[in-house]
Amino acid sequence: MHVDDWVRTYAAGLGAEATSTSVVRWVTAPSGARLAFVGGVVVKVHHERTSSSDLTARLEAVAGSSLRAVFVPPAAAEVATAPDGSLVTAWPDVRVLGIDDEIPWPSIGRLLARLHRLPVPPGLPPHAATERLSRAVERARTLDDEATRALLVELGERLLREFRQVREVGDVEERAQRHTAGSAVPRRISAVHGDFHLGQVGIWDDGWRLLDLDDVGVGNPAWDLARPAGFWAAGLLGDAEWAAFLDGYRGAGGPAVPADGDPWPPLDLAARAAVHVAAVRVLARPVHSDLTADALLAACRRM
């Protein structure tokens, strides 16, 4: 069976307005996943590296736990398998926040704060943001320009070392705290989107919701503020926009940063990683914005 025929049949089985002659529009995401748009449904064919158990746990959390309150709910509550063996999920085709929209920065800040304050669903795997950094380092090795390649590989490897050190220190401190104070000691972990940017926000029931569960998991909520923070530091996000986002997040009790004072210490490492990942992604495209690439590269040089 041709993949388009399978997609139409699968979407129709979910109640989509798909027939044997419906046009299937394919889009390849930056992650390598393929999205098929047909009959009001988005059929997502996940990258071959996707773990079946992790994807199932993430889908169950978004479909049936407290996370459902902040995510666009899936069109199917189970992971399917395409004819070629790829893992598949299905989603309603919603309007995604676009670059021409007036960005509701306070609302987005409140949305992330709400996610970070929700109970962590049992069985949710660790978020995959650090894996994104590892993949960016490997992708940087393929860049054509020798100087840029050397810069981004060295920076990425250094950031990975810093993350390992922070993780090891954090684990030791947490064990010590729990030994002396018992299991009631709070941990700065939450459910995390893991790949947050403006393209991950859509309209559902007249409100903003999160999209894309591929990197959702348990971890430090600072990761979800990393891209706005890093882009602000790189000069790609204005002071007013960053302040509106941060105020919205803090006003809703977001736990990634202190309620007042300097927000940067808990964001610094994740923000630097987000800038590195974005720089590699932009430079690896055949056609890209020189302005954005130059700003991200300049930020990487300053690191």
C-alpha atoms as a PDB file:
ATOM      1  CA  MET A   1       0.000   0.000   0.000  1.00  0.00           C
ATOM      2  CA  HIS A   2       1.289   3.449  -0.911  1.00  0.00           C
ATOM      3  CA  VAL A   3       1.993   5.585   2.154  1.00  0.00           C
ATOM      4  CA  ASP A   4      -0.550   8.234   1.067  1.00  0.00           C
ATOM      5  CA  ASP A   5      -3.239   5.580   0.836  1.00  0.00           C
ATOM      6  CA  TRP A   6      -2.346   4.293   4.291  1.00  0.00           C
ATOM      7  CA  VAL A   7      -2.436   7.827   5.723  1.00  0.00           C
ATOM      8  CA  ARG A   8      -5.882   8.472   4.211  1.00  0.00           C
ATOM      9  CA  THR A   9      -7.235   5.198   5.591  1.00  0.00           C
ATOM     10  CA  TYR A  10      -5.711   5.796   9.015  1.00  0.00           C
ATOM     11  CA  ALA A  11      -7.019   9.373   9.202  1.00  0.00           C
ATOM     12  CA  ALA A  12     -10.495   8.329   8.054  1.00  0.00           C
ATOM     13  CA  GLY A  13     -10.560   5.727  10.812  1.00  0.00           C
ATOM     14  CA  LEU A  14     -10.071   8.553  13.319  1.00  0.00           C
ATOM     15  CA  GLY A  15     -13.085  10.412  11.973  1.00  0.00           C
ATOM     16  CA  ALA A  16     -11.174  12.717   9.644  1.00  0.00           C
ATOM     17  CA  GLU A  17     -12.835  14.021   6.511  1.00  0.00           C
ATOM     18  CA  ALA A  18     -10.518  11.965   4.346  1.00  0.00           C
ATOM     19  CA  THR A  19     -11.479  10.000   1.231  1.00  0.00           C
ATOM     20  CA  SER A  20      -9.542   7.893  -1.253  1.00  0.00           C
ATOM     21  CA  THR A  21      -9.003  11.023  -3.356  1.00  0.00           C
ATOM     22  CA  SER A  22      -8.089  13.465  -0.566  1.00  0.00           C
ATOM     23  CA  VAL A  23      -4.823  15.304  -1.133  1.00  0.00           C
ATOM     24  CA  VAL A  24      -2.135  14.467   1.410  1.00  0.00           C
ATOM     25  CA  ARG A  25       0.239  17.376   2.022  1.00  0.00           C
ATOM     26  CA  TRP A  26       3.618  16.375   3.440  1.00  0.00           C
ATOM     27  CA  VAL A  27       5.951  18.592   5.488  1.00  0.00           C
ATOM     28  CA  THR A  28       9.292  17.539   6.945  1.00  0.00           C
ATOM     29  CA  ALA A  29       9.936  18.946  10.419  1.00  0.00           C
ATOM     30  CA  PRO A  30      13.422  20.129  11.508  1.00  0.00           C
ATOM     31  CA  SER A  31      13.603  17.022  13.727  1.00  0.00           C
ATOM     32  CA  GLY A  32      13.309  14.779  10.674  1.00  0.00           C
ATOM     33  CA  ALA A  33       9.734  13.711  11.444  1.00  0.00           C
ATOM     34  CA  ARG A  34       7.278  13.809   8.531  1.00  0.00           C
ATOM     35  CA  LEU A  35       3.864  15.427   8.911  1.00  0.00           C
ATOM     36  CA  ALA A  36       0.958  14.444   6.668  1.00  0.00           C
ATOM     37  CA  PHE A  37      -1.965  16.909   6.572  1.00  0.00           C
ATOM     38  CA  VAL A  38      -5.245  15.375   5.405  1.00  0.00           C
ATOM     39  CA  GLY A  39      -8.912  15.884   6.250  1.00  0.00           C
ATOM     40  CA  GLY A  40      -8.323  18.111   9.277  1.00  0.00           C
ATOM     41  CA  VAL A  41      -5.863  15.656  10.859  1.00  0.00           C
ATOM     42  CA  VAL A  42      -2.076  15.774  11.094  1.00  0.00           C
ATOM     43  CA  VAL A  43      -0.528  12.310  10.905  1.00  0.00           C
ATOM     44  CA  LYS A  44       2.987  12.464  12.334  1.00  0.00           C
ATOM     45  CA  VAL A  45       5.471   9.846  11.161  1.00  0.00           C
ATOM     46  CA  HIS A  46       8.193   9.994  13.781  1.00  0.00           C
ATOM     47  CA  HIS A  47      11.933   9.831  13.172  1.00  0.00           C
ATOM     48  CA  GLU A  48      13.433   6.343  13.162  1.00  0.00           C
ATOM     49  CA  ARG A  49      15.428   7.104  16.330  1.00  0.00           C
ATOM     50  CA  THR A  50      12.174   7.496  18.312  1.00  0.00           C
ATOM     51  CA  SER A  51      11.788   5.116  21.241  1.00  0.00           C
ATOM     52  CA  SER A  52       8.470   3.270  21.169  1.00  0.00           C
ATOM     53  CA  SER A  53       8.248   3.039  24.966  1.00  0.00           C
ATOM     54  CA  ASP A  54       9.105   6.707  25.504  1.00  0.00           C
ATOM     55  CA  LEU A  55       6.689   7.872  22.808  1.00  0.00           C
ATOM     56  CA  THR A  56       3.915   5.728  24.297  1.00  0.00           C
ATOM     57  CA  ALA A  57       4.539   7.141  27.782  1.00  0.00           C
ATOM     58  CA  ARG A  58       4.548  10.685  26.441  1.00  0.00           C
ATOM     59  CA  LEU A  59       1.357  10.162  24.463  1.00  0.00           C
ATOM     60  CA  GLU A  60      -0.399   8.615  27.463  1.00  0.00           C
ATOM     61  CA  ALA A  61       0.648  11.582  29.618  1.00  0.00           C
ATOM     62  CA  VAL A  62      -0.566  14.186  27.120  1.00  0.00           C
ATOM     63  CA  ALA A  63      -3.794  12.287  26.403  1.00  0.00           C
ATOM     64  CA  GLY A  64      -4.806  11.158  29.859  1.00  0.00           C
ATOM     65  CA  SER A  65      -3.024  13.049  32.641  1.00  0.00           C
ATOM     66  CA  SER A  66      -2.973  16.591  33.973  1.00  0.00           C
ATOM     67  CA  LEU A  67      -0.825  17.563  30.974  1.00  0.00           C
ATOM     68  CA  ARG A  68      -3.940  17.415  28.827  1.00  0.00           C
ATOM     69  CA  ALA A  69      -4.850  20.836  30.220  1.00  0.00           C
ATOM     70  CA  VAL A  70      -1.917  22.538  28.448  1.00  0.00           C
ATOM     71  CA  PHE A  71      -1.410  20.451  25.282  1.00  0.00           C
ATOM     72  CA  VAL A  72      -3.517  20.151  22.163  1.00  0.00           C
ATOM     73  CA  PRO A  73      -5.040  16.690  22.763  1.00  0.00           C
ATOM     74  CA  PRO A  74      -4.129  13.916  20.323  1.00  0.00           C
ATOM     75  CA  ALA A  75      -6.584  12.660  17.721  1.00  0.00           C
ATOM     76  CA  ALA A  76      -5.590   9.100  18.662  1.00  0.00           C
ATOM     77  CA  ALA A  77      -4.679   7.943  22.156  1.00  0.00           C
ATOM     78  CA  GLU A  78      -2.399   5.139  20.955  1.00  0.00           C
ATOM     79  CA  VAL A  79       0.787   4.995  18.907  1.00  0.00           C
ATOM     80  CA  ALA A  80       0.236   3.433  15.469  1.00  0.00           C
ATOM     81  CA  THR A  81       2.735   1.859  13.106  1.00  0.00           C
ATOM     82  CA  ALA A  82       3.104   2.810   9.448  1.00  0.00           C
ATOM     83  CA  PRO A  83       3.688   0.134   6.767  1.00  0.00           C
ATOM     84  CA  ASP A  84       7.431   0.830   6.853  1.00  0.00           C
ATOM     85  CA  GLY A  85       7.531   0.279  10.621  1.00  0.00           C
ATOM     86  CA  SER A  86       7.709   3.969  11.588  1.00  0.00           C
ATOM     87  CA  LEU A  87       5.902   5.067  14.728  1.00  0.00           C
ATOM     88  CA  VAL A  88       2.866   7.284  14.106  1.00  0.00           C
ATOM     89  CA  THR A  89       0.742   9.646  16.179  1.00  0.00           C
ATOM     90  CA  ALA A  90      -2.226  11.753  15.052  1.00  0.00           C
ATOM     91  CA  TRP A  91      -3.278  15.277  15.979  1.00  0.00           C
ATOM     92  CA  PRO A  92      -5.966  17.790  15.075  1.00  0.00           C
ATOM     93  CA  ASP A  93      -4.876  20.310  12.457  1.00  0.00           C
ATOM     94  CA  VAL A  94      -4.919  23.515  14.534  1.00  0.00           C
ATOM     95  CA  ARG A  95      -3.790  27.042  13.784  1.00  0.00           C
ATOM     96  CA  VAL A  96      -0.199  27.450  14.901  1.00  0.00           C
ATOM     97  CA  LEU A  97       1.217  30.725  16.161  1.00  0.00           C
ATOM     98  CA  GLY A  98       2.945  32.334  13.181  1.00  0.00           C
ATOM     99  CA  ILE A  99       5.646  34.924  12.670  1.00  0.00           C
ATOM    100  CA  ASP A 100       3.055  37.410  11.392  1.00  0.00           C
ATOM    101  CA  ASP A 101       0.900  37.098  14.520  1.00  0.00           C
ATOM    102  CA  GLU A 102       1.107  39.488  17.420  1.00  0.00           C
ATOM    103  CA  ILE A 103       2.959  37.304  19.893  1.00  0.00           C
ATOM    104  CA  PRO A 104       1.073  36.994  23.224  1.00  0.00           C
ATOM    105  CA  TRP A 105       4.232  36.853  25.328  1.00  0.00           C
ATOM    106  CA  PRO A 106       2.536  37.110  28.752  1.00  0.00           C
ATOM    107  CA  SER A 107       0.091  34.324  27.819  1.00  0.00           C
ATOM    108  CA  ILE A 108       2.917  32.088  26.629  1.00  0.00           C
ATOM    109  CA  GLY A 109       4.776  32.699  29.883  1.00  0.00           C
ATOM    110  CA  ARG A 110       1.674  31.760  31.845  1.00  0.00           C
ATOM    111  CA  LEU A 111       1.174  28.638  29.701  1.00  0.00           C
ATOM    112  CA  LEU A 112       4.663  27.361  30.480  1.00  0.00           C
ATOM    113  CA  ALA A 113       4.282  28.198  34.166  1.00  0.00           C
ATOM    114  CA  ARG A 114       1.069  26.186  34.215  1.00  0.00           C
ATOM    115  CA  LEU A 115       2.848  23.207  32.638  1.00  0.00           C
ATOM    116  CA  HIS A 116       5.671  23.402  35.166  1.00  0.00           C
ATOM    117  CA  ARG A 117       3.267  23.521  38.116  1.00  0.00           C
ATOM    118  CA  LEU A 118       1.248  20.461  37.075  1.00  0.00           C
ATOM    119  CA  PRO A 119       1.795  17.111  38.809  1.00  0.00           C
ATOM    120  CA  VAL A 120       4.390  15.033  36.975  1.00  0.00           C
ATOM    121  CA  PRO A 121       2.636  11.995  35.456  1.00  0.00           C
ATOM    122  CA  PRO A 122       4.032   8.649  36.629  1.00  0.00           C
ATOM    123  CA  GLY A 123       6.181   6.890  34.072  1.00  0.00           C
ATOM    124  CA  LEU A 124       7.085  10.041  32.139  1.00  0.00           C
ATOM    125  CA  PRO A 125      10.679   9.668  30.821  1.00  0.00           C
ATOM    126  CA  PRO A 126      13.367  12.335  31.203  1.00  0.00           C
ATOM    127  CA  HIS A 127      12.973  15.201  28.762  1.00  0.00           C
ATOM    128  CA  ALA A 128      15.110  14.978  25.633  1.00  0.00           C
ATOM    129  CA  ALA A 129      16.541  18.503  25.488  1.00  0.00           C
ATOM    130  CA  THR A 130      20.090  17.378  26.282  1.00  0.00           C
ATOM    131  CA  GLU A 131      19.865  14.774  23.516  1.00  0.00           C
ATOM    132  CA  ARG A 132      19.058  17.645  21.156  1.00  0.00           C
ATOM    133  CA  LEU A 133      22.354  19.271  22.161  1.00  0.00           C
ATOM    134  CA  SER A 134      24.238  16.026  21.486  1.00  0.00           C
ATOM    135  CA  ARG A 135      22.666  15.764  18.028  1.00  0.00           C
ATOM    136  CA  ALA A 136      23.547  19.405  17.332  1.00  0.00           C
ATOM    137  CA  VAL A 137      27.215  18.688  18.100  1.00  0.00           C
ATOM    138  CA  GLU A 138      27.217  15.804  15.626  1.00  0.00           C
ATOM    139  CA  ARG A 139      25.439  17.945  13.031  1.00  0.00           C
ATOM    140  CA  ALA A 140      27.993  20.722  13.552  1.00  0.00           C
ATOM    141  CA  ARG A 141      30.714  18.305  12.433  1.00  0.00           C
ATOM    142  CA  THR A 142      29.148  18.304   8.948  1.00  0.00           C
ATOM    143  CA  LEU A 143      29.171  22.094   8.405  1.00  0.00           C
ATOM    144  CA  ASP A 144      31.201  23.242   5.388  1.00  0.00           C
ATOM    145  CA  ASP A 145      32.991  26.274   6.827  1.00  0.00           C
ATOM    146  CA  GLU A 146      36.038  25.039   8.747  1.00  0.00           C
ATOM    147  CA  ALA A 147      36.208  27.890  11.271  1.00  0.00           C
ATOM    148  CA  THR A 148      32.478  27.748  12.025  1.00  0.00           C
ATOM    149  CA  ARG A 149      32.587  23.977  12.302  1.00  0.00           C
ATOM    150  CA  ALA A 150      35.482  24.094  14.788  1.00  0.00           C
ATOM    151  CA  LEU A 151      33.783  26.811  16.851  1.00  0.00           C
ATOM    152  CA  LEU A 152      30.445  25.024  17.162  1.00  0.00           C
ATOM    153  CA  VAL A 153      31.897  21.554  17.771  1.00  0.00           C
ATOM    154  CA  GLU A 154      34.197  22.846  20.530  1.00  0.00           C
ATOM    155  CA  LEU A 155      31.421  24.907  22.131  1.00  0.00           C
ATOM    156  CA  GLY A 156      28.918  22.052  21.979  1.00  0.00           C
ATOM    157  CA  GLU A 157      31.347  19.590  23.547  1.00  0.00           C
ATOM    158  CA  ARG A 158      32.103  22.084  26.326  1.00  0.00           C
ATOM    159  CA  LEU A 159      28.400  22.626  27.017  1.00  0.00           C
ATOM    160  CA  LEU A 160      27.854  18.868  27.210  1.00  0.00           C
ATOM    161  CA  ARG A 161      30.681  18.590  29.749  1.00  0.00           C
ATOM    162  CA  GLU A 162      29.131  21.371  31.822  1.00  0.00           C
ATOM    163  CA  PHE A 163      25.760  19.603  31.792  1.00  0.00           C
ATOM    164  CA  ARG A 164      27.325  16.356  32.967  1.00  0.00           C
ATOM    165  CA  GLN A 165      29.065  18.177  35.825  1.00  0.00           C
ATOM    166  CA  VAL A 166      25.879  19.974  36.865  1.00  0.00           C
ATOM    167  CA  ARG A 167      23.940  16.722  36.764  1.00  0.00           C
ATOM    168  CA  GLU A 168      26.513  14.908  38.899  1.00  0.00           C
ATOM    169  CA  VAL A 169      26.668  17.724  41.484  1.00  0.00           C
ATOM    170  CA  GLY A 170      22.885  17.967  41.544  1.00  0.00           C
ATOM    171  CA  ASP A 171      22.514  14.247  42.138  1.00  0.00           C
ATOM    172  CA  VAL A 172      24.976  14.338  45.050  1.00  0.00           C
ATOM    173  CA  GLU A 173      23.311  17.378  46.635  1.00  0.00           C
ATOM    174  CA  GLU A 174      19.864  15.847  46.266  1.00  0.00           C
ATOM    175  CA  ARG A 175      20.926  12.584  47.902  1.00  0.00           C
ATOM    176  CA  ALA A 176      22.502  14.517  50.776  1.00  0.00           C
ATOM    177  CA  GLN A 177      19.385  16.623  51.264  1.00  0.00           C
ATOM    178  CA  ARG A 178      17.123  13.615  51.264  1.00  0.00           C
ATOM    179  CA  HIS A 179      19.371  11.783  53.727  1.00  0.00           C
ATOM    180  CA  THR A 180      19.210  14.663  56.203  1.00  0.00           C
ATOM    181  CA  ALA A 181      15.728  16.022  55.626  1.00  0.00           C
ATOM    182  CA  GLY A 182      13.703  13.117  54.326  1.00  0.00           C
ATOM    183  CA  SER A 183      11.725  12.657  51.150  1.00  0.00           C
ATOM    184  CA  ALA A 184       9.752  15.884  51.602  1.00  0.00           C
ATOM    185  CA  VAL A 185      12.702  17.991  50.344  1.00  0.00           C
ATOM    186  CA  PRO A 186      11.461  19.763  47.199  1.00  0.00           C
ATOM    187  CA  ARG A 187      13.177  19.078  43.902  1.00  0.00           C
ATOM    188  CA  ARG A 188      13.392  21.604  41.108  1.00  0.00           C
ATOM    189  CA  ILE A 189      11.977  19.270  38.512  1.00  0.00           C
ATOM    190  CA  SER A 190       8.727  19.316  36.626  1.00  0.00           C
ATOM    191  CA  ALA A 191       7.099  18.158  33.453  1.00  0.00           C
ATOM    192  CA  VAL A 192       9.036  19.902  30.671  1.00  0.00           C
ATOM    193  CA  HIS A 193       8.166  20.438  27.008  1.00  0.00           C
ATOM    194  CA  GLY A 194      11.815  19.976  26.048  1.00  0.00           C
ATOM    195  CA  ASP A 195      11.749  21.784  22.674  1.00  0.00           C
ATOM    196  CA  PHE A 196       9.800  24.946  23.333  1.00  0.00           C
ATOM    197  CA  HIS A 197       9.675  27.701  20.714  1.00  0.00           C
ATOM    198  CA  LEU A 198       6.859  29.773  19.218  1.00  0.00           C
ATOM    199  CA  GLY A 199       6.108  27.143  16.574  1.00  0.00           C
ATOM    200  CA  GLN A 200       5.053  24.820  19.400  1.00  0.00           C
ATOM    201  CA  VAL A 201       2.037  26.945  20.333  1.00  0.00           C
ATOM    202  CA  GLY A 202      -1.400  26.523  18.765  1.00  0.00           C
ATOM    203  CA  ILE A 203      -5.029  27.502  19.324  1.00  0.00           C
ATOM    204  CA  TRP A 204      -7.369  24.946  20.875  1.00  0.00           C
ATOM    205  CA  ASP A 205     -10.797  25.776  22.331  1.00  0.00           C
ATOM    206  CA  ASP A 206     -10.032  29.498  21.901  1.00  0.00           C
ATOM    207  CA  GLY A 207      -6.922  29.284  24.047  1.00  0.00           C
ATOM    208  CA  TRP A 208      -3.196  28.766  23.558  1.00  0.00           C
ATOM    209  CA  ARG A 209      -1.968  25.196  23.924  1.00  0.00           C
ATOM    210  CA  LEU A 210       1.356  23.424  23.454  1.00  0.00           C
ATOM    211  CA  LEU A 211       2.129  21.177  20.489  1.00  0.00           C
ATOM    212  CA  ASP A 212       4.634  18.364  19.877  1.00  0.00           C
ATOM    213  CA  LEU A 213       5.415  15.753  22.521  1.00  0.00           C
ATOM    214  CA  ASP A 214       8.649  14.309  21.101  1.00  0.00           C
ATOM    215  CA  ASP A 215      10.860  15.765  23.847  1.00  0.00           C
ATOM    216  CA  VAL A 216       8.329  16.012  26.691  1.00  0.00           C
ATOM    217  CA  GLY A 217       9.575  14.600  29.967  1.00  0.00           C
ATOM    218  CA  VAL A 218      10.754  15.173  33.501  1.00  0.00           C
ATOM    219  CA  GLY A 219      13.522  17.661  34.193  1.00  0.00           C
ATOM    220  CA  ASN A 220      14.593  21.188  35.015  1.00  0.00           C
ATOM    221  CA  PRO A 221      11.927  23.644  33.804  1.00  0.00           C
ATOM    222  CA  ALA A 222      14.654  26.136  32.881  1.00  0.00           C
ATOM    223  CA  TRP A 223      14.947  24.229  29.584  1.00  0.00           C
ATOM    224  CA  ASP A 224      11.599  25.593  28.430  1.00  0.00           C
ATOM    225  CA  LEU A 225      12.705  29.181  28.996  1.00  0.00           C
ATOM    226  CA  ALA A 226      16.065  28.571  27.347  1.00  0.00           C
ATOM    227  CA  ARG A 227      15.254  29.583  23.779  1.00  0.00           C
ATOM    228  CA  PRO A 228      13.537  32.913  24.600  1.00  0.00           C
ATOM    229  CA  ALA A 229      16.303  33.654  27.112  1.00  0.00           C
ATOM    230  CA  GLY A 230      19.078  32.752  24.698  1.00  0.00           C
ATOM    231  CA  PHE A 231      17.530  34.690  21.826  1.00  0.00           C
ATOM    232  CA  TRP A 232      17.147  37.729  24.090  1.00  0.00           C
ATOM    233  CA  ALA A 233      20.832  37.475  25.056  1.00  0.00           C
ATOM    234  CA  ALA A 234      21.736  37.148  21.360  1.00  0.00           C
ATOM    235  CA  GLY A 235      19.769  40.278  20.469  1.00  0.00           C
ATOM    236  CA  LEU A 236      17.062  38.420  18.545  1.00  0.00           C
ATOM    237  CA  LEU A 237      14.307  39.101  21.086  1.00  0.00           C
ATOM    238  CA  GLY A 238      13.602  42.595  22.334  1.00  0.00           C
ATOM    239  CA  ASP A 239      13.794  43.699  25.947  1.00  0.00           C
ATOM    240  CA  ALA A 240      10.045  44.422  26.101  1.00  0.00           C
ATOM    241  CA  GLU A 241       9.120  41.005  24.708  1.00  0.00           C
ATOM    242  CA  TRP A 242      11.478  39.176  27.048  1.00  0.00           C
ATOM    243  CA  ALA A 243      10.181  41.160  30.031  1.00  0.00           C
ATOM    244  CA  ALA A 244       6.553  40.444  29.087  1.00  0.00           C
ATOM    245  CA  PHE A 245       7.275  36.723  28.752  1.00  0.00           C
ATOM    246  CA  LEU A 246       9.203  36.582  32.020  1.00  0.00           C
ATOM    247  CA  ASP A 247       6.595  38.630  33.904  1.00  0.00           C
ATOM    248  CA  GLY A 248       3.842  36.335  32.649  1.00  0.00           C
ATOM    249  CA  TYR A 249       5.815  33.276  33.772  1.00  0.00           C
ATOM    250  CA  ARG A 250       6.677  34.695  37.180  1.00  0.00           C
ATOM    251  CA  GLY A 251       3.183  36.054  37.742  1.00  0.00           C
ATOM    252  CA  ALA A 252       1.777  32.567  37.259  1.00  0.00           C
ATOM    253  CA  GLY A 253       4.197  31.058  39.778  1.00  0.00           C
ATOM    254  CA  GLY A 254       6.599  29.454  37.315  1.00  0.00           C
ATOM    255  CA  PRO A 255       9.302  27.572  39.268  1.00  0.00           C
ATOM    256  CA  ALA A 256      12.217  27.794  36.806  1.00  0.00           C
ATOM    257  CA  VAL A 257      13.375  31.209  38.065  1.00  0.00           C
ATOM    258  CA  PRO A 258      13.110  33.154  41.342  1.00  0.00           C
ATOM    259  CA  ALA A 259       9.906  35.132  41.820  1.00  0.00           C
ATOM    260  CA  ASP A 260      11.947  38.351  41.652  1.00  0.00           C
ATOM    261  CA  GLY A 261      15.518  39.470  41.198  1.00  0.00           C
ATOM    262  CA  ASP A 262      17.995  38.215  38.607  1.00  0.00           C
ATOM    263  CA  PRO A 263      16.513  35.332  36.599  1.00  0.00           C
ATOM    264  CA  TRP A 264      19.700  34.538  34.715  1.00  0.00           C
ATOM    265  CA  PRO A 265      21.706  32.169  36.990  1.00  0.00           C
ATOM    266  CA  PRO A 266      19.267  29.224  36.656  1.00  0.00           C
ATOM    267  CA  LEU A 267      18.792  29.916  32.926  1.00  0.00           C
ATOM    268  CA  ASP A 268      22.382  30.506  31.826  1.00  0.00           C
ATOM    269  CA  LEU A 269      23.524  27.025  30.852  1.00  0.00           C
ATOM    270  CA  ALA A 270      20.297  25.978  29.154  1.00  0.00           C
ATOM    271  CA  ALA A 271      20.105  29.332  27.313  1.00  0.00           C
ATOM    272  CA  ARG A 272      23.632  28.905  25.963  1.00  0.00           C
ATOM    273  CA  ALA A 273      22.752  25.410  24.789  1.00  0.00           C
ATOM    274  CA  ALA A 274      19.606  26.694  23.063  1.00  0.00           C
ATOM    275  CA  VAL A 275      21.626  29.291  21.156  1.00  0.00           C
ATOM    276  CA  HIS A 276      24.131  26.638  20.079  1.00  0.00           C
ATOM    277  CA  VAL A 277      21.408  24.269  18.871  1.00  0.00           C
ATOM    278  CA  ALA A 278      19.665  27.087  16.991  1.00  0.00           C
ATOM    279  CA  ALA A 279      22.916  28.219  15.364  1.00  0.00           C
ATOM    280  CA  VAL A 280      23.698  24.728  14.094  1.00  0.00           C
ATOM    281  CA  ARG A 281      20.157  24.250  12.819  1.00  0.00           C
ATOM    282  CA  VAL A 282      20.130  27.560  10.938  1.00  0.00           C
ATOM    283  CA  LEU A 283      23.583  27.099   9.396  1.00  0.00           C
ATOM    284  CA  ALA A 284      22.824  23.537   8.291  1.00  0.00           C
ATOM    285  CA  ARG A 285      19.936  24.733   6.102  1.00  0.00           C
ATOM    286  CA  PRO A 286      20.702  25.282   2.399  1.00  0.00           C
ATOM    287  CA  VAL A 287      18.883  28.634   2.600  1.00  0.00           C
ATOM    288  CA  HIS A 288      18.837  30.643   5.807  1.00  0.00           C
ATOM    289  CA  SER A 289      18.561  34.157   7.191  1.00  0.00           C
ATOM    290  CA  ASP A 290      22.016  35.737   7.282  1.00  0.00           C
ATOM    291  CA  LEU A 291      20.834  38.171   9.963  1.00  0.00           C
ATOM    292  CA  THR A 292      19.708  35.385  12.302  1.00  0.00           C
ATOM    293  CA  ALA A 293      22.762  33.254  11.551  1.00  0.00           C
ATOM    294  CA  ASP A 294      25.145  36.159  12.199  1.00  0.00           C
ATOM    295  CA  ALA A 295      23.482  37.010  15.537  1.00  0.00           C
ATOM    296  CA  LEU A 296      23.562  33.387  16.715  1.00  0.00           C
ATOM    297  CA  LEU A 297      27.164  32.891  15.618  1.00  0.00           C
ATOM    298  CA  ALA A 298      28.216  36.111  17.359  1.00  0.00           C
ATOM    299  CA  ALA A 299      26.556  34.865  20.551  1.00  0.00           C
ATOM    300  CA  CYS A 300      28.378  31.527  20.222  1.00  0.00           C
ATOM    301  CA  ARG A 301      31.715  33.331  19.842  1.00  0.00           C
ATOM    302  CA  ARG A 302      31.016  35.314  23.027  1.00  0.00           C
ATOM    303  CA  MET A 303      30.514  32.063  24.935  1.00  0.00           C
END
